[in-house]
């Protein structure tokens, strides 16, 4: 069940390498792209370094033991045992794994869950709001058991194995949601959480095209007041702050991971006036785009 990860360099303004998931195994539904591999098989006795890139799929790295460094959207983490990393599509990351690392790597496409599997999608969205999960030995053993069950289902492919994989993934996400950092978000009313998830997905998809709260409210059939009430209740931020935060994050990704000119980055982010973009970026970060890029080097 060999898997090939192919890095592509698109000709658009977004020149951060994007890696796509491809499986040698033929799957009935092309949108159902899933794989799980042992980290030891990936390393083949050597260390591994992956330079800055992003994926168009979900990426779960679960380590029983190991060492190295993992940088995800300007946060740096030490790779060590009893740790899980969950990287969402679109996030920029850089990974170094040393030869002593062992565990599992799971990858699956955004189309892995259908529109009807709302509960599973909610679990994934909530769990994916945090990238780094350290565990004590007891919880690590429990999670390793879940991952081994997923690996067995993927390898044996007995009847209804895809359902079994999804069920075990839900168990995994529930374990992640027991992290104390999720306590506040899980206490919010389900309606608010569902609307927030929709809003965040729309921002990630349309941030370059739409920058006004009213545009997102219209797509969600809400008033701007209702949408602001949801983000204030769940995130303690206004909708405008959420939109601007994502634009700044994507700008930082582009400045850090590419050598694109500032005017090209501004255009990619939806700004035809580069001077306005520079003022916007400095207002929210304290740096001009050029100064930020220099500080990243």
Protein backbone atom coordinates (compact mmCIF):
# COMPACT_ATOMS: atom_id res chain seq x y z
CA UNK A 1 0.00 0.00 0.00
CA UNK A 2 2.67 2.35 -1.01
CA UNK A 3 1.82 6.00 -1.08
CA UNK A 4 3.28 8.78 -3.15
CA UNK A 5 3.23 12.37 -1.93
CA UNK A 6 3.77 14.72 -4.82
CA UNK A 7 4.91 18.32 -4.38
CA UNK A 8 3.60 20.72 -6.98
CA UNK A 9 4.61 24.33 -7.61
CA UNK A 10 1.58 26.07 -9.08
CA UNK A 11 1.98 28.98 -11.46
CA UNK A 12 -0.44 31.16 -9.45
CA UNK A 13 0.70 33.82 -7.01
CA UNK A 14 0.62 31.20 -4.23
CA UNK A 15 4.05 29.64 -4.79
CA UNK A 16 4.24 27.80 -1.46
CA UNK A 17 4.71 24.13 -2.45
CA UNK A 18 1.42 22.25 -2.12
CA UNK A 19 1.52 18.52 -1.48
CA UNK A 20 -1.33 16.31 -2.63
CA UNK A 21 -2.18 12.87 -1.38
CA UNK A 22 -2.18 9.99 -3.85
CA UNK A 23 -2.54 6.31 -3.05
CA UNK A 24 -1.32 3.48 -5.23
CA UNK A 25 -4.29 1.46 -4.03
CA UNK A 26 -7.41 2.03 -6.16
CA UNK A 27 -10.29 3.27 -4.03
CA UNK A 28 -13.94 3.11 -5.05
CA UNK A 29 -14.59 6.80 -4.45
CA UNK A 30 -11.83 9.12 -5.63
CA UNK A 31 -12.79 11.64 -2.93
CA UNK A 32 -12.18 8.98 -0.29
CA UNK A 33 -8.43 9.32 -0.07
CA UNK A 34 -6.99 7.91 3.13
CA UNK A 35 -3.77 6.28 4.24
CA UNK A 36 -2.01 5.30 7.44
CA UNK A 37 1.66 4.35 7.59
CA UNK A 38 4.22 3.51 10.23
CA UNK A 39 6.74 6.33 10.66
CA UNK A 40 9.58 3.79 10.71
CA UNK A 41 8.64 2.74 7.16
CA UNK A 42 8.84 6.36 6.02
CA UNK A 43 12.24 6.95 7.58
CA UNK A 44 13.82 3.69 6.31
CA UNK A 45 16.66 4.05 8.79
CA UNK A 46 17.37 7.70 7.91
CA UNK A 47 16.25 11.03 9.29
CA UNK A 48 13.76 13.11 7.34
CA UNK A 49 13.47 16.84 6.66
CA UNK A 50 10.52 18.39 4.84
CA UNK A 51 10.98 22.07 3.97
CA UNK A 52 8.16 24.60 4.29
CA UNK A 53 5.07 23.46 2.40
CA UNK A 54 1.34 23.11 2.76
CA UNK A 55 -1.12 20.27 2.09
CA UNK A 56 -4.58 20.03 0.57
CA UNK A 57 -5.37 17.22 3.04
CA UNK A 58 -5.45 16.52 6.79
CA UNK A 59 -2.16 15.32 8.25
CA UNK A 60 -1.91 13.53 11.61
CA UNK A 61 1.53 12.65 12.95
CA UNK A 62 1.32 10.52 16.12
CA UNK A 63 4.61 9.69 17.82
CA UNK A 64 5.21 6.88 20.29
CA UNK A 65 8.82 8.06 20.57
CA UNK A 66 11.14 10.31 18.65
CA UNK A 67 12.93 13.62 18.34
CA UNK A 68 13.15 16.54 15.94
CA UNK A 69 11.40 19.86 15.27
CA UNK A 70 7.99 20.76 13.85
CA UNK A 71 7.09 24.31 12.80
CA UNK A 72 3.40 24.96 12.08
CA UNK A 73 2.21 28.45 11.13
CA UNK A 74 4.95 30.27 13.09
CA UNK A 75 4.70 28.03 16.15
CA UNK A 76 7.72 25.84 16.91
CA UNK A 77 7.35 22.49 18.66
CA UNK A 78 9.87 19.94 19.86
CA UNK A 79 9.15 16.49 18.48
CA UNK A 80 9.09 13.93 21.28
CA UNK A 81 7.31 10.74 22.29
CA UNK A 82 3.68 10.64 23.42
CA UNK A 83 2.80 13.53 21.07
CA UNK A 84 0.32 14.04 18.25
CA UNK A 85 0.31 16.79 15.61
CA UNK A 86 -2.84 17.57 13.60
CA UNK A 87 -2.21 19.83 10.59
CA UNK A 88 -5.19 21.20 8.67
CA UNK A 89 -5.31 21.72 4.89
CA UNK A 90 -3.73 25.05 3.98
CA UNK A 91 -1.49 25.33 7.03
CA UNK A 92 2.21 25.85 6.34
CA UNK A 93 4.62 23.58 8.17
CA UNK A 94 8.20 22.32 8.23
CA UNK A 95 9.19 19.00 9.78
CA UNK A 96 12.42 17.38 10.90
CA UNK A 97 12.28 13.80 12.23
CA UNK A 98 15.29 11.92 13.53
CA UNK A 99 15.91 8.22 13.03
CA UNK A 100 14.73 7.28 16.54
CA UNK A 101 11.14 8.31 15.73
CA UNK A 102 8.29 5.81 15.63
CA UNK A 103 4.52 6.00 15.46
CA UNK A 104 1.92 6.61 12.75
CA UNK A 105 1.24 9.05 9.93
CA UNK A 106 -2.39 9.44 8.84
CA UNK A 107 -3.42 11.45 5.80
CA UNK A 108 -6.92 11.93 4.41
CA UNK A 109 -8.61 14.26 1.95
CA UNK A 110 -11.10 17.01 2.72
CA UNK A 111 -13.71 14.90 0.92
CA UNK A 112 -13.14 11.96 3.26
CA UNK A 113 -16.27 12.87 5.25
CA UNK A 114 -19.48 13.38 3.28
CA UNK A 115 -21.85 16.29 3.84
CA UNK A 116 -24.14 13.91 5.75
CA UNK A 117 -21.46 13.04 8.34
CA UNK A 118 -21.93 16.28 10.24
CA UNK A 119 -21.05 14.93 13.69
CA UNK A 120 -17.71 13.52 12.50
CA UNK A 121 -16.95 16.76 10.65
CA UNK A 122 -17.65 18.75 13.84
CA UNK A 123 -15.32 16.53 15.87
CA UNK A 124 -12.57 17.00 13.28
CA UNK A 125 -13.08 20.77 13.12
CA UNK A 126 -12.88 21.11 16.90
CA UNK A 127 -9.90 18.79 17.28
CA UNK A 128 -8.14 20.55 14.39
CA UNK A 129 -8.34 23.92 16.12
CA UNK A 130 -5.22 22.81 18.07
CA UNK A 131 -2.13 21.53 16.25
CA UNK A 132 -0.09 20.02 19.09
CA UNK A 133 -1.25 17.42 21.63
CA UNK A 134 1.20 16.07 24.24
CA UNK A 135 0.00 13.07 26.31
CA UNK A 136 0.94 11.23 29.45
CA UNK A 137 1.91 7.57 29.10
CA UNK A 138 -1.59 6.25 29.93
CA UNK A 139 -3.41 8.34 27.34
CA UNK A 140 -0.67 7.72 24.79
CA UNK A 141 -1.20 3.97 25.19
CA UNK A 142 -4.94 4.41 24.64
CA UNK A 143 -4.40 6.50 21.50
CA UNK A 144 -1.83 4.02 20.18
CA UNK A 145 -4.49 1.31 20.51
CA UNK A 146 -6.93 3.36 18.42
CA UNK A 147 -4.28 4.02 15.77
CA UNK A 148 -3.34 0.34 15.63
CA UNK A 149 -7.02 -0.54 15.10
CA UNK A 150 -7.16 1.94 12.21
CA UNK A 151 -3.98 0.46 10.74
CA UNK A 152 -5.38 -3.08 10.98
CA UNK A 153 -8.62 -2.07 9.24
CA UNK A 154 -6.69 -0.33 6.47
CA UNK A 155 -4.41 -3.32 5.96
CA UNK A 156 -6.99 -6.14 6.11
CA UNK A 157 -9.81 -4.29 4.32
CA UNK A 158 -12.53 -6.57 5.58
CA UNK A 159 -16.18 -5.83 4.88
CA UNK A 160 -17.19 -2.25 5.90
CA UNK A 161 -13.60 -1.38 6.80
CA UNK A 162 -14.09 2.25 5.74
CA UNK A 163 -16.86 2.64 8.31
CA UNK A 164 -14.61 1.08 10.94
CA UNK A 165 -11.80 3.51 10.10
CA UNK A 166 -14.15 6.48 10.45
CA UNK A 167 -15.53 5.16 13.74
CA UNK A 168 -12.03 4.79 15.16
CA UNK A 169 -11.08 8.26 13.93
CA UNK A 170 -14.06 9.63 15.85
CA UNK A 171 -12.75 7.86 18.97
CA UNK A 172 -9.38 9.52 18.32
CA UNK A 173 -10.89 13.00 17.97
CA UNK A 174 -12.93 12.52 21.14
CA UNK A 175 -9.71 11.70 23.00
CA UNK A 176 -8.14 14.88 21.62
CA UNK A 177 -11.18 16.91 22.70
CA UNK A 178 -10.63 15.76 26.28
CA UNK A 179 -7.63 18.08 26.31
CA UNK A 180 -8.40 20.87 28.85
CA UNK A 181 -7.77 23.50 26.18
CA UNK A 182 -11.07 22.50 24.53
CA UNK A 183 -13.14 22.97 27.67
CA UNK A 184 -14.40 26.46 26.82
CA UNK A 185 -15.33 25.76 23.20
CA UNK A 186 -17.16 22.50 23.96
CA UNK A 187 -19.35 24.26 26.53
CA UNK A 188 -20.86 26.58 23.91
CA UNK A 189 -24.36 25.86 22.54
CA UNK A 190 -24.26 23.55 19.52
CA UNK A 191 -25.98 26.13 17.28
CA UNK A 192 -23.22 28.68 17.94
CA UNK A 193 -20.50 26.11 17.34
CA UNK A 194 -22.05 24.96 14.06
CA UNK A 195 -22.46 28.52 12.77
CA UNK A 196 -18.92 29.37 13.85
CA UNK A 197 -17.56 26.34 11.97
CA UNK A 198 -19.41 27.44 8.85
CA UNK A 199 -18.14 31.00 9.16
CA UNK A 200 -14.51 29.90 9.61
CA UNK A 201 -14.74 27.59 6.59
CA UNK A 202 -16.15 30.43 4.48
CA UNK A 203 -13.40 32.82 5.59
CA UNK A 204 -10.68 30.29 4.72
CA UNK A 205 -12.23 29.79 1.28
CA UNK A 206 -13.22 33.36 0.36
CA UNK A 207 -10.90 35.69 2.33
CA UNK A 208 -9.27 37.09 -0.83
CA UNK A 209 -12.63 37.79 -2.46
CA UNK A 210 -14.79 38.87 0.48
CA UNK A 211 -13.60 41.07 3.35
CA UNK A 212 -16.86 42.54 4.64
CA UNK A 213 -18.84 40.96 7.48
CA UNK A 214 -22.08 41.65 5.58
CA UNK A 215 -20.92 39.40 2.71
CA UNK A 216 -20.39 36.41 5.02
CA UNK A 217 -23.61 37.10 6.92
CA UNK A 218 -25.52 37.06 3.63
CA UNK A 219 -23.99 33.73 2.61
CA UNK A 220 -25.07 32.29 5.98
CA UNK A 221 -28.55 33.88 5.87
CA UNK A 222 -27.81 35.82 9.07
CA UNK A 223 -27.68 39.49 9.97
CA UNK A 224 -24.32 41.05 10.76
CA UNK A 225 -25.53 41.48 14.34
CA UNK A 226 -26.28 37.75 14.65
CA UNK A 227 -22.94 36.73 13.16
CA UNK A 228 -21.01 39.11 15.42
CA UNK A 229 -22.90 37.74 18.43
CA UNK A 230 -21.73 34.22 17.50
CA UNK A 231 -18.03 35.13 17.18
CA UNK A 232 -18.12 37.25 20.36
CA UNK A 233 -19.72 34.40 22.30
CA UNK A 234 -17.39 31.66 21.04
CA UNK A 235 -14.10 33.46 20.31
CA UNK A 236 -14.45 36.80 22.10
CA UNK A 237 -13.69 38.47 18.77
CA UNK A 238 -15.71 40.47 16.27
CA UNK A 239 -16.25 39.03 12.79
CA UNK A 240 -13.94 41.69 11.36
CA UNK A 241 -11.18 40.58 13.73
CA UNK A 242 -11.61 36.96 12.61
CA UNK A 243 -11.42 37.93 8.93
CA UNK A 244 -8.43 40.22 9.44
CA UNK A 245 -6.62 37.63 11.56
CA UNK A 246 -6.89 35.06 8.78
CA UNK A 247 -5.72 37.52 6.11
CA UNK A 248 -2.69 38.41 8.25
CA UNK A 249 -1.94 34.72 8.87
CA UNK A 250 -2.00 33.99 5.14
CA UNK A 251 0.16 37.07 4.43
CA UNK A 252 2.71 35.88 7.01
CA UNK A 253 2.72 32.43 5.43
CA UNK A 254 3.42 33.90 1.99
CA UNK A 255 6.13 36.24 3.26
CA UNK A 256 7.87 33.50 5.22
CA UNK A 257 7.63 30.61 2.77
CA UNK A 258 8.03 32.33 -0.62
CA UNK A 259 10.18 34.94 -2.32
CA UNK A 260 7.21 36.53 -4.11
CA UNK A 261 7.27 40.30 -4.46
CA UNK A 262 5.06 42.21 -2.03
CA UNK A 263 2.75 43.50 -4.76
CA UNK A 264 2.14 39.93 -5.97
CA UNK A 265 1.33 38.76 -2.45
CA UNK A 266 -1.01 41.72 -1.97
CA UNK A 267 -2.81 40.85 -5.22
CA UNK A 268 -3.10 37.19 -4.20
CA UNK A 269 -4.72 38.31 -0.94
CA UNK A 270 -7.23 40.49 -2.78
CA UNK A 271 -5.55 43.92 -2.55
CA UNK A 272 -4.99 45.82 -5.78
CA UNK A 273 -3.49 48.77 -3.88
CA UNK A 274 -0.18 47.49 -2.49
CA UNK A 275 0.33 50.59 -0.34
CA UNK A 276 -3.00 49.92 1.39
CA UNK A 277 -1.95 46.31 2.01
CA UNK A 278 1.37 47.46 3.52
CA UNK A 279 -0.46 49.82 5.90
CA UNK A 280 -2.96 47.08 6.79
CA UNK A 281 -0.18 44.58 7.51
CA UNK A 282 1.81 47.04 9.64
CA UNK A 283 -1.29 48.04 11.61
CA UNK A 284 -1.89 44.42 12.64
CA UNK A 285 1.70 43.19 13.10
CA UNK A 286 3.79 46.28 13.86
CA UNK A 287 6.04 45.49 10.88
CA UNK A 288 6.05 46.30 7.20
CA UNK A 289 5.90 43.16 5.01
CA UNK A 290 9.58 43.58 4.07
CA UNK A 291 10.63 43.95 7.71
CA UNK A 292 8.61 40.89 8.70
CA UNK A 293 10.23 38.84 5.94
CA UNK A 294 13.71 39.94 7.04
CA UNK A 295 12.95 38.95 10.65
CA UNK A 296 11.95 35.46 9.47
CA UNK A 297 15.38 34.82 7.97
